[in-house]
Amino acid sequence: MTDLVTESEAYSSTPLQRVAGKLERVLPPGWRVEVVDLPARGEVAAQPVLRVHMP
């Protein structure tokens, strides 16, 4: 299986955003995936996470 990069993925700015786009394409219609970059509860060194929203 080849891992092809589509045109829309080429314009995503981070690898995590590209993964979020791939995940969103395989989820059922109405589901959304977003990358959350904000630190939680004042944490300075927090890492970005994926958030999945159900319809």
Protein backbone atom coordinates (compact mmCIF):
# COMPACT_ATOMS: atom_id res chain seq x y z
CA MET A 1 0.00 0.00 0.00
CA THR A 2 1.42 3.38 -0.97
CA ASP A 3 1.01 6.46 1.17
CA LEU A 4 0.13 9.14 -1.39
CA VAL A 5 -0.05 12.83 -0.49
CA THR A 6 -3.10 14.54 -1.95
CA GLU A 7 -3.16 18.18 -3.05
CA SER A 8 -5.10 19.27 0.06
CA GLU A 9 -2.56 17.52 2.31
CA ALA A 10 0.31 19.27 0.58
CA TYR A 11 -1.01 22.60 1.88
CA SER A 12 -1.45 21.38 5.50
CA SER A 13 1.20 22.94 7.65
CA THR A 14 2.03 20.11 10.07
CA PRO A 15 2.19 16.32 9.97
CA LEU A 16 -0.48 16.17 12.69
CA GLN A 17 -2.86 18.24 10.54
CA ARG A 18 -2.27 15.86 7.62
CA VAL A 19 -3.09 12.89 9.86
CA ALA A 20 -6.23 14.67 11.07
CA GLY A 21 -7.33 15.11 7.45
CA LYS A 22 -6.73 11.43 6.68
CA LEU A 23 -8.65 10.36 9.78
CA GLU A 24 -11.57 12.66 8.95
CA ARG A 25 -11.86 11.14 5.46
CA VAL A 26 -12.33 7.60 6.83
CA LEU A 27 -14.79 8.50 9.59
CA PRO A 28 -18.57 8.40 8.97
CA PRO A 29 -20.20 11.53 7.47
CA GLY A 30 -20.67 14.36 9.94
CA TRP A 31 -17.67 13.52 12.12
CA ARG A 32 -14.97 16.22 12.37
CA VAL A 33 -11.33 16.05 13.45
CA GLU A 34 -9.37 19.07 14.66
CA VAL A 35 -5.88 19.72 15.99
CA VAL A 36 -5.88 21.50 19.35
CA ASP A 37 -2.68 23.42 20.08
CA LEU A 38 -3.67 25.24 23.25
CA PRO A 39 -1.99 24.21 26.51
CA ALA A 40 -4.40 22.70 29.02
CA ARG A 41 -4.79 24.37 32.44
CA GLY A 42 -1.69 26.52 32.26
CA GLU A 43 0.71 23.81 31.15
CA VAL A 44 3.62 25.44 29.35
CA ALA A 45 4.99 22.41 27.51
CA ALA A 46 1.68 20.88 26.36
CA GLN A 47 1.65 18.92 23.10
CA PRO A 48 -1.00 19.34 20.38
CA VAL A 49 -3.73 16.68 20.34
CA LEU A 50 -6.41 15.48 17.94
CA ARG A 51 -10.02 16.09 18.95
CA VAL A 52 -12.81 14.09 17.28
CA HIS A 53 -16.32 15.60 17.22
CA MET A 54 -19.28 13.28 16.76
CA PRO A 55 -22.35 14.58 14.87
